[in-house]
Amino acid sequence: MEKKKEVTRISTEILGVDIGGSGIKGAPVNSASGKLLAERHRISTPNPATPKSVARTLKQLVDHFEWSGKIGCGFPSVIHKGIARTASNIDKKWIGVNVEKVFSAETGCLVAVVNDADAAGLAEMKFGVGKGRKGVVILVTIGTGIGTAIFVDGKLLPNTELGHLVLKGEIAEHYASAAVLKRQKLTWEKWGKRVNRYLQHLEFLFSPDLFILGGGVSKKFDLYKAYLQVDAEITPAALRNEAGIVGASLAAQLAGG
């Protein structure tokens, strides 16, 4: 155990955490290589997902890894200077809360927080299919909700949150998320066509060169790719469901401290 505690002091080794609407997942990451240093651990997101309950669940994750070093968290909200400005798949009590301060106080560790989709995008652009890609790249994470990250020549435009665009009279993530696929028991064809309408709308707005599809359904890309008809190149994320964890560690590294 002593050896493990020494390892956490190395600046490139950071606990990456992906906080989602249904689960809080994390693992120690070598942020220089993008490799997980231990098997990821998942704890269900508490309901309601209030600041106190989520912070306590994060502490459980930290204790699981006996972690004492830096932590990076991907969080489902617009994050500006550590403060949550929106709350769609978490409790509304988060709005206006300094997430970094709450998590740091609960865990006793230095915590950096970034929008969850931005975290996944950072990972894919550094270690995944976006590596070295120029032009406009849009990562779309499809899970409980829909998150987006836009990169222009490798540079991130933060907090785009395009899952909240209106599509077919509904908020896009209420129309085409993985939660909708499960809840409405849609066929892959019906759901794939919904995702396609969403991607076509993004293409109309931003004319991307590449779409990267992330989230849990990215590993089932072959089941719905036939229904995706956009001009841009489209591919599943290479890091799949680990992208948010890896990207959170990258964000923490970039934040310094």
C-alpha atoms as a PDB file:
ATOM      1  CA  MET A   1       0.000   0.000   0.000  1.00  0.00           C
ATOM      2  CA  GLU A   2       2.864   2.386   0.699  1.00  0.00           C
ATOM      3  CA  LYS A   3       4.058   2.057  -2.886  1.00  0.00           C
ATOM      4  CA  LYS A   4       0.593   3.009  -4.171  1.00  0.00           C
ATOM      5  CA  LYS A   5       0.504   6.164  -2.054  1.00  0.00           C
ATOM      6  CA  GLU A   6       3.899   7.234  -3.426  1.00  0.00           C
ATOM      7  CA  VAL A   7       2.672   6.770  -6.988  1.00  0.00           C
ATOM      8  CA  THR A   8      -0.172   9.271  -6.496  1.00  0.00           C
ATOM      9  CA  ARG A   9       2.368  12.053  -5.904  1.00  0.00           C
ATOM     10  CA  ILE A  10       3.638  11.832  -9.503  1.00  0.00           C
ATOM     11  CA  SER A  11       2.023  14.738 -11.345  1.00  0.00           C
ATOM     12  CA  THR A  12       1.178  12.775 -14.494  1.00  0.00           C
ATOM     13  CA  GLU A  13      -0.790  10.208 -12.482  1.00  0.00           C
ATOM     14  CA  ILE A  14      -4.220  11.613 -11.732  1.00  0.00           C
ATOM     15  CA  LEU A  15      -7.503  10.109 -10.608  1.00  0.00           C
ATOM     16  CA  GLY A  16      -9.900  10.650 -13.506  1.00  0.00           C
ATOM     17  CA  VAL A  17     -13.617  10.692 -12.686  1.00  0.00           C
ATOM     18  CA  ASP A  18     -16.599  10.804 -15.043  1.00  0.00           C
ATOM     19  CA  ILE A  19     -19.760  11.970 -13.259  1.00  0.00           C
ATOM     20  CA  GLY A  20     -22.875  11.069 -15.216  1.00  0.00           C
ATOM     21  CA  GLY A  21     -26.603  11.033 -14.714  1.00  0.00           C
ATOM     22  CA  SER A  22     -26.658   7.307 -13.884  1.00  0.00           C
ATOM     23  CA  GLY A  23     -23.127   6.457 -12.759  1.00  0.00           C
ATOM     24  CA  ILE A  24     -19.945   7.912 -11.307  1.00  0.00           C
ATOM     25  CA  LYS A  25     -16.942   6.136 -12.805  1.00  0.00           C
ATOM     26  CA  GLY A  26     -13.256   6.591 -12.154  1.00  0.00           C
ATOM     27  CA  ALA A  27      -9.742   5.184 -12.277  1.00  0.00           C
ATOM     28  CA  PRO A  28      -6.180   6.379 -11.809  1.00  0.00           C
ATOM     29  CA  VAL A  29      -4.808   7.521 -15.171  1.00  0.00           C
ATOM     30  CA  ASN A  30      -1.364   8.208 -16.558  1.00  0.00           C
ATOM     31  CA  SER A  31      -2.283  11.484 -18.222  1.00  0.00           C
ATOM     32  CA  ALA A  32       0.888  11.387 -20.353  1.00  0.00           C
ATOM     33  CA  SER A  33      -0.069   8.103 -22.032  1.00  0.00           C
ATOM     34  CA  GLY A  34      -3.842   8.030 -21.525  1.00  0.00           C
ATOM     35  CA  LYS A  35      -3.636   4.580 -19.941  1.00  0.00           C
ATOM     36  CA  LEU A  36      -5.731   3.525 -16.961  1.00  0.00           C
ATOM     37  CA  LEU A  37      -3.525   2.369 -14.088  1.00  0.00           C
ATOM     38  CA  ALA A  38      -6.217   0.239 -12.447  1.00  0.00           C
ATOM     39  CA  GLU A  39      -9.570  -1.243 -13.357  1.00  0.00           C
ATOM     40  CA  ARG A  40     -12.218   1.451 -13.407  1.00  0.00           C
ATOM     41  CA  HIS A  41     -14.692   1.520 -10.548  1.00  0.00           C
ATOM     42  CA  ARG A  42     -18.341   2.556 -10.884  1.00  0.00           C
ATOM     43  CA  ILE A  43     -20.836   3.720  -8.261  1.00  0.00           C
ATOM     44  CA  SER A  44     -24.438   4.601  -9.098  1.00  0.00           C
ATOM     45  CA  THR A  45     -25.183   8.316  -9.117  1.00  0.00           C
ATOM     46  CA  PRO A  46     -27.264   9.132  -6.028  1.00  0.00           C
ATOM     47  CA  ASN A  47     -30.879  10.210  -6.427  1.00  0.00           C
ATOM     48  CA  PRO A  48     -31.367  13.086  -5.915  1.00  0.00           C
ATOM     49  CA  ALA A  49     -27.929  14.091  -7.195  1.00  0.00           C
ATOM     50  CA  THR A  50     -27.474  17.020  -4.817  1.00  0.00           C
ATOM     51  CA  PRO A  51     -24.090  18.618  -4.070  1.00  0.00           C
ATOM     52  CA  LYS A  52     -23.829  16.829  -0.716  1.00  0.00           C
ATOM     53  CA  SER A  53     -24.829  13.381  -2.032  1.00  0.00           C
ATOM     54  CA  VAL A  54     -22.619  13.512  -5.138  1.00  0.00           C
ATOM     55  CA  ALA A  55     -19.643  14.754  -3.108  1.00  0.00           C
ATOM     56  CA  ARG A  56     -20.070  11.867  -0.677  1.00  0.00           C
ATOM     57  CA  THR A  57     -20.234   9.380  -3.544  1.00  0.00           C
ATOM     58  CA  LEU A  58     -17.063  10.859  -5.028  1.00  0.00           C
ATOM     59  CA  LYS A  59     -15.416  10.376  -1.627  1.00  0.00           C
ATOM     60  CA  GLN A  60     -16.380   6.675  -1.769  1.00  0.00           C
ATOM     61  CA  LEU A  61     -14.622   6.421  -5.127  1.00  0.00           C
ATOM     62  CA  VAL A  62     -11.536   8.193  -3.771  1.00  0.00           C
ATOM     63  CA  ASP A  63     -11.475   5.857  -0.770  1.00  0.00           C
ATOM     64  CA  HIS A  64     -11.807   2.822  -3.051  1.00  0.00           C
ATOM     65  CA  PHE A  65      -8.496   3.723  -4.713  1.00  0.00           C
ATOM     66  CA  GLU A  66      -6.940   5.010  -1.447  1.00  0.00           C
ATOM     67  CA  TRP A  67      -6.183   8.158  -3.428  1.00  0.00           C
ATOM     68  CA  SER A  68      -4.439  11.233  -2.045  1.00  0.00           C
ATOM     69  CA  GLY A  69      -3.280  13.089  -5.159  1.00  0.00           C
ATOM     70  CA  LYS A  70      -4.829  15.297  -7.809  1.00  0.00           C
ATOM     71  CA  ILE A  71      -8.318  14.525  -9.158  1.00  0.00           C
ATOM     72  CA  GLY A  72      -9.916  15.520 -12.460  1.00  0.00           C
ATOM     73  CA  CYS A  73     -13.727  15.364 -12.782  1.00  0.00           C
ATOM     74  CA  GLY A  74     -15.900  15.499 -15.850  1.00  0.00           C
ATOM     75  CA  PHE A  75     -19.224  17.010 -14.728  1.00  0.00           C
ATOM     76  CA  PRO A  76     -22.604  17.214 -16.570  1.00  0.00           C
ATOM     77  CA  SER A  77     -22.908  21.001 -16.548  1.00  0.00           C
ATOM     78  CA  VAL A  78     -21.575  24.161 -18.101  1.00  0.00           C
ATOM     79  CA  ILE A  79     -18.510  24.800 -15.941  1.00  0.00           C
ATOM     80  CA  HIS A  80     -17.068  28.309 -15.712  1.00  0.00           C
ATOM     81  CA  LYS A  81     -14.139  28.908 -13.353  1.00  0.00           C
ATOM     82  CA  GLY A  82     -15.118  25.836 -11.365  1.00  0.00           C
ATOM     83  CA  ILE A  83     -18.764  26.907 -10.975  1.00  0.00           C
ATOM     84  CA  ALA A  84     -21.742  24.949 -12.351  1.00  0.00           C
ATOM     85  CA  ARG A  85     -23.963  27.173 -14.484  1.00  0.00           C
ATOM     86  CA  THR A  86     -26.520  24.570 -15.630  1.00  0.00           C
ATOM     87  CA  ALA A  87     -28.013  21.318 -14.328  1.00  0.00           C
ATOM     88  CA  SER A  88     -29.884  19.009 -16.701  1.00  0.00           C
ATOM     89  CA  ASN A  89     -29.118  15.475 -15.479  1.00  0.00           C
ATOM     90  CA  ILE A  90     -28.234  16.430 -11.899  1.00  0.00           C
ATOM     91  CA  ASP A  91     -30.068  18.289  -9.142  1.00  0.00           C
ATOM     92  CA  LYS A  92     -30.833  21.964  -9.783  1.00  0.00           C
ATOM     93  CA  LYS A  93     -29.191  22.794  -6.456  1.00  0.00           C
ATOM     94  CA  TRP A  94     -25.854  22.586  -8.274  1.00  0.00           C
ATOM     95  CA  ILE A  95     -26.482  25.803 -10.215  1.00  0.00           C
ATOM     96  CA  GLY A  96     -24.168  28.508  -8.911  1.00  0.00           C
ATOM     97  CA  VAL A  97     -22.138  26.073  -6.795  1.00  0.00           C
ATOM     98  CA  ASN A  98     -18.338  25.998  -6.991  1.00  0.00           C
ATOM     99  CA  VAL A  99     -17.990  22.298  -7.794  1.00  0.00           C
ATOM    100  CA  GLU A 100     -14.222  22.297  -7.375  1.00  0.00           C
ATOM    101  CA  LYS A 101     -14.452  23.694  -3.853  1.00  0.00           C
ATOM    102  CA  VAL A 102     -17.206  21.263  -2.800  1.00  0.00           C
ATOM    103  CA  PHE A 103     -15.310  18.233  -4.105  1.00  0.00           C
ATOM    104  CA  SER A 104     -11.961  19.398  -2.725  1.00  0.00           C
ATOM    105  CA  ALA A 105     -13.457  19.964   0.729  1.00  0.00           C
ATOM    106  CA  GLU A 106     -15.091  16.512   0.778  1.00  0.00           C
ATOM    107  CA  THR A 107     -12.113  14.527  -0.554  1.00  0.00           C
ATOM    108  CA  GLY A 108      -9.213  16.505   0.893  1.00  0.00           C
ATOM    109  CA  CYS A 109      -7.632  16.458  -2.574  1.00  0.00           C
ATOM    110  CA  LEU A 110      -6.983  19.108  -5.215  1.00  0.00           C
ATOM    111  CA  VAL A 111      -9.864  18.757  -7.704  1.00  0.00           C
ATOM    112  CA  ALA A 112     -10.214  20.251 -11.193  1.00  0.00           C
ATOM    113  CA  VAL A 113     -13.664  20.111 -12.843  1.00  0.00           C
ATOM    114  CA  VAL A 114     -14.543  20.347 -16.540  1.00  0.00           C
ATOM    115  CA  ASN A 115     -17.703  19.798 -18.599  1.00  0.00           C
ATOM    116  CA  ASP A 116     -18.074  16.036 -19.074  1.00  0.00           C
ATOM    117  CA  ALA A 117     -18.319  16.070 -22.875  1.00  0.00           C
ATOM    118  CA  ASP A 118     -15.334  18.429 -23.089  1.00  0.00           C
ATOM    119  CA  ALA A 119     -13.372  15.899 -21.009  1.00  0.00           C
ATOM    120  CA  ALA A 120     -14.244  13.086 -23.410  1.00  0.00           C
ATOM    121  CA  GLY A 121     -13.320  15.302 -26.338  1.00  0.00           C
ATOM    122  CA  LEU A 122      -9.916  16.176 -24.881  1.00  0.00           C
ATOM    123  CA  ALA A 123      -9.142  12.472 -24.553  1.00  0.00           C
ATOM    124  CA  GLU A 124     -10.228  11.590 -28.090  1.00  0.00           C
ATOM    125  CA  MET A 125      -8.281  14.490 -29.587  1.00  0.00           C
ATOM    126  CA  LYS A 126      -5.075  13.559 -27.762  1.00  0.00           C
ATOM    127  CA  PHE A 127      -5.192   9.774 -27.722  1.00  0.00           C
ATOM    128  CA  GLY A 128      -8.086   8.665 -29.934  1.00  0.00           C
ATOM    129  CA  VAL A 129      -9.451   9.053 -33.447  1.00  0.00           C
ATOM    130  CA  GLY A 130      -9.201  12.853 -33.296  1.00  0.00           C
ATOM    131  CA  LYS A 131      -5.434  12.841 -32.789  1.00  0.00           C
ATOM    132  CA  GLY A 132      -3.776  15.126 -35.334  1.00  0.00           C
ATOM    133  CA  ARG A 133      -7.070  16.017 -37.023  1.00  0.00           C
ATOM    134  CA  LYS A 134      -7.470  19.558 -38.352  1.00  0.00           C
ATOM    135  CA  GLY A 135     -10.647  21.378 -39.305  1.00  0.00           C
ATOM    136  CA  VAL A 136     -13.882  21.121 -37.335  1.00  0.00           C
ATOM    137  CA  VAL A 137     -14.331  18.001 -35.204  1.00  0.00           C
ATOM    138  CA  ILE A 138     -17.479  17.409 -33.149  1.00  0.00           C
ATOM    139  CA  LEU A 139     -17.547  14.735 -30.477  1.00  0.00           C
ATOM    140  CA  VAL A 140     -21.046  13.661 -29.459  1.00  0.00           C
ATOM    141  CA  THR A 141     -21.384  11.651 -26.252  1.00  0.00           C
ATOM    142  CA  ILE A 142     -24.615   9.679 -26.090  1.00  0.00           C
ATOM    143  CA  GLY A 143     -25.666   8.409 -22.682  1.00  0.00           C
ATOM    144  CA  THR A 144     -28.284   9.507 -20.149  1.00  0.00           C
ATOM    145  CA  GLY A 145     -28.200  12.787 -22.067  1.00  0.00           C
ATOM    146  CA  ILE A 146     -26.294  14.060 -25.099  1.00  0.00           C
ATOM    147  CA  GLY A 147     -23.092  16.027 -24.713  1.00  0.00           C
ATOM    148  CA  THR A 148     -20.949  17.725 -27.334  1.00  0.00           C
ATOM    149  CA  ALA A 149     -17.419  19.002 -27.682  1.00  0.00           C
ATOM    150  CA  ILE A 150     -16.300  21.093 -30.657  1.00  0.00           C
ATOM    151  CA  PHE A 151     -12.676  21.421 -31.755  1.00  0.00           C
ATOM    152  CA  VAL A 152     -11.311  23.704 -34.464  1.00  0.00           C
ATOM    153  CA  ASP A 153      -7.808  22.719 -35.560  1.00  0.00           C
ATOM    154  CA  GLY A 154      -7.423  20.886 -32.260  1.00  0.00           C
ATOM    155  CA  LYS A 155      -8.570  23.779 -30.052  1.00  0.00           C
ATOM    156  CA  LEU A 156     -11.591  23.279 -27.803  1.00  0.00           C
ATOM    157  CA  LEU A 157     -14.612  25.577 -27.768  1.00  0.00           C
ATOM    158  CA  PRO A 158     -15.785  24.792 -24.205  1.00  0.00           C
ATOM    159  CA  ASN A 159     -19.275  24.162 -22.846  1.00  0.00           C
ATOM    160  CA  THR A 160     -21.185  23.896 -26.113  1.00  0.00           C
ATOM    161  CA  GLU A 161     -23.942  21.679 -24.615  1.00  0.00           C
ATOM    162  CA  LEU A 162     -25.617  21.109 -27.989  1.00  0.00           C
ATOM    163  CA  GLY A 163     -27.658  18.240 -26.609  1.00  0.00           C
ATOM    164  CA  HIS A 164     -30.094  20.960 -25.562  1.00  0.00           C
ATOM    165  CA  LEU A 165     -30.878  22.122 -29.087  1.00  0.00           C
ATOM    166  CA  VAL A 166     -34.539  21.732 -30.030  1.00  0.00           C
ATOM    167  CA  LEU A 167     -35.191  18.943 -32.509  1.00  0.00           C
ATOM    168  CA  LYS A 168     -38.621  17.775 -33.704  1.00  0.00           C
ATOM    169  CA  GLY A 169     -40.191  19.967 -31.037  1.00  0.00           C
ATOM    170  CA  GLU A 170     -38.183  18.350 -28.244  1.00  0.00           C
ATOM    171  CA  ILE A 171     -34.862  18.953 -26.540  1.00  0.00           C
ATOM    172  CA  ALA A 172     -32.457  16.820 -28.574  1.00  0.00           C
ATOM    173  CA  GLU A 173     -31.311  14.649 -25.673  1.00  0.00           C
ATOM    174  CA  HIS A 174     -34.959  13.880 -24.848  1.00  0.00           C
ATOM    175  CA  TYR A 175     -35.344  12.673 -28.442  1.00  0.00           C
ATOM    176  CA  ALA A 176     -32.170  10.753 -29.251  1.00  0.00           C
ATOM    177  CA  SER A 177     -30.195   9.832 -26.108  1.00  0.00           C
ATOM    178  CA  ALA A 178     -29.322   6.285 -25.078  1.00  0.00           C
ATOM    179  CA  ALA A 179     -31.765   6.675 -22.194  1.00  0.00           C
ATOM    180  CA  VAL A 180     -34.553   7.289 -24.727  1.00  0.00           C
ATOM    181  CA  LEU A 181     -33.491   4.198 -26.694  1.00  0.00           C
ATOM    182  CA  LYS A 182     -33.904   2.100 -23.561  1.00  0.00           C
ATOM    183  CA  ARG A 183     -36.933   3.811 -22.052  1.00  0.00           C
ATOM    184  CA  GLN A 184     -39.014   3.792 -25.242  1.00  0.00           C
ATOM    185  CA  LYS A 185     -37.711   0.349 -26.302  1.00  0.00           C
ATOM    186  CA  LEU A 186     -36.853   1.652 -29.758  1.00  0.00           C
ATOM    187  CA  THR A 187     -35.385  -0.557 -32.457  1.00  0.00           C
ATOM    188  CA  TRP A 188     -31.829   0.258 -33.537  1.00  0.00           C
ATOM    189  CA  GLU A 189     -33.270   1.466 -36.847  1.00  0.00           C
ATOM    190  CA  LYS A 190     -35.769   3.876 -35.262  1.00  0.00           C
ATOM    191  CA  TRP A 191     -33.220   5.178 -32.798  1.00  0.00           C
ATOM    192  CA  GLY A 192     -30.466   5.384 -35.417  1.00  0.00           C
ATOM    193  CA  LYS A 193     -32.700   7.556 -37.586  1.00  0.00           C
ATOM    194  CA  ARG A 194     -33.279   9.877 -34.628  1.00  0.00           C
ATOM    195  CA  VAL A 195     -29.532  10.178 -34.057  1.00  0.00           C
ATOM    196  CA  ASN A 196     -29.138  10.838 -37.778  1.00  0.00           C
ATOM    197  CA  ARG A 197     -31.610  13.751 -37.669  1.00  0.00           C
ATOM    198  CA  TYR A 198     -29.647  15.211 -34.795  1.00  0.00           C
ATOM    199  CA  LEU A 199     -26.305  14.849 -36.582  1.00  0.00           C
ATOM    200  CA  GLN A 200     -27.761  16.362 -39.758  1.00  0.00           C
ATOM    201  CA  HIS A 201     -28.887  19.373 -37.711  1.00  0.00           C
ATOM    202  CA  LEU A 202     -25.384  19.783 -36.265  1.00  0.00           C
ATOM    203  CA  GLU A 203     -23.940  19.456 -39.756  1.00  0.00           C
ATOM    204  CA  PHE A 204     -26.220  22.208 -41.029  1.00  0.00           C
ATOM    205  CA  LEU A 205     -25.059  24.501 -38.213  1.00  0.00           C
ATOM    206  CA  PHE A 206     -21.313  23.769 -38.114  1.00  0.00           C
ATOM    207  CA  SER A 207     -20.231  21.924 -41.304  1.00  0.00           C
ATOM    208  CA  PRO A 208     -17.844  19.599 -39.437  1.00  0.00           C
ATOM    209  CA  ASP A 209     -15.170  17.491 -41.081  1.00  0.00           C
ATOM    210  CA  LEU A 210     -15.548  14.682 -38.565  1.00  0.00           C
ATOM    211  CA  PHE A 211     -18.132  13.400 -36.085  1.00  0.00           C
ATOM    212  CA  ILE A 212     -16.893  11.204 -33.244  1.00  0.00           C
ATOM    213  CA  LEU A 213     -19.599   9.278 -31.406  1.00  0.00           C
ATOM    214  CA  GLY A 214     -18.819   8.479 -27.771  1.00  0.00           C
ATOM    215  CA  GLY A 215     -20.631   7.116 -24.732  1.00  0.00           C
ATOM    216  CA  GLY A 216     -21.697   3.557 -24.008  1.00  0.00           C
ATOM    217  CA  VAL A 217     -23.511   3.069 -27.329  1.00  0.00           C
ATOM    218  CA  SER A 218     -20.312   3.766 -29.272  1.00  0.00           C
ATOM    219  CA  LYS A 219     -19.343   0.103 -28.815  1.00  0.00           C
ATOM    220  CA  LYS A 220     -22.586  -0.871 -30.613  1.00  0.00           C
ATOM    221  CA  PHE A 221     -21.907   1.453 -33.553  1.00  0.00           C
ATOM    222  CA  ASP A 222     -22.322  -1.375 -36.092  1.00  0.00           C
ATOM    223  CA  LEU A 223     -25.962  -1.792 -35.061  1.00  0.00           C
ATOM    224  CA  TYR A 224     -27.006   1.697 -36.163  1.00  0.00           C
ATOM    225  CA  LYS A 225     -24.295   3.073 -38.468  1.00  0.00           C
ATOM    226  CA  ALA A 226     -26.334   2.132 -41.562  1.00  0.00           C
ATOM    227  CA  TYR A 227     -28.937   4.736 -40.573  1.00  0.00           C
ATOM    228  CA  LEU A 228     -26.459   7.622 -40.275  1.00  0.00           C
ATOM    229  CA  GLN A 229     -26.342   9.679 -43.460  1.00  0.00           C
ATOM    230  CA  VAL A 230     -24.231  12.817 -43.153  1.00  0.00           C
ATOM    231  CA  ASP A 231     -21.598  14.319 -45.434  1.00  0.00           C
ATOM    232  CA  ALA A 232     -18.953  14.450 -42.705  1.00  0.00           C
ATOM    233  CA  GLU A 233     -16.841  11.451 -41.795  1.00  0.00           C
ATOM    234  CA  ILE A 234     -18.322   9.641 -38.808  1.00  0.00           C
ATOM    235  CA  THR A 235     -16.620   7.164 -36.498  1.00  0.00           C
ATOM    236  CA  PRO A 236     -17.044   5.714 -32.991  1.00  0.00           C
ATOM    237  CA  ALA A 237     -14.753   6.987 -30.252  1.00  0.00           C
ATOM    238  CA  ALA A 238     -11.581   4.959 -29.794  1.00  0.00           C
ATOM    239  CA  LEU A 239     -11.553   5.291 -26.020  1.00  0.00           C
ATOM    240  CA  ARG A 240     -15.236   4.369 -25.819  1.00  0.00           C
ATOM    241  CA  ASN A 241     -16.603   4.705 -22.278  1.00  0.00           C
ATOM    242  CA  GLU A 242     -13.162   5.479 -20.821  1.00  0.00           C
ATOM    243  CA  ALA A 243     -12.838   8.789 -22.684  1.00  0.00           C
ATOM    244  CA  GLY A 244     -14.455  10.845 -19.909  1.00  0.00           C
ATOM    245  CA  ILE A 245     -12.137   9.382 -17.280  1.00  0.00           C
ATOM    246  CA  VAL A 246      -8.996   9.912 -19.347  1.00  0.00           C
ATOM    247  CA  GLY A 247     -10.050  13.410 -20.423  1.00  0.00           C
ATOM    248  CA  ALA A 248     -10.821  14.449 -16.858  1.00  0.00           C
ATOM    249  CA  SER A 249      -7.251  13.561 -15.912  1.00  0.00           C
ATOM    250  CA  LEU A 250      -5.972  15.629 -18.847  1.00  0.00           C
ATOM    251  CA  ALA A 251      -8.071  18.602 -17.761  1.00  0.00           C
ATOM    252  CA  ALA A 252      -6.630  18.367 -14.251  1.00  0.00           C
ATOM    253  CA  GLN A 253      -3.111  18.249 -15.656  1.00  0.00           C
ATOM    254  CA  LEU A 254      -3.781  21.308 -17.836  1.00  0.00           C
ATOM    255  CA  ALA A 255      -5.247  23.147 -14.834  1.00  0.00           C
ATOM    256  CA  GLY A 256      -1.898  22.854 -13.020  1.00  0.00           C
ATOM    257  CA  GLY A 257      -1.643  23.354  -9.269  1.00  0.00           C
END
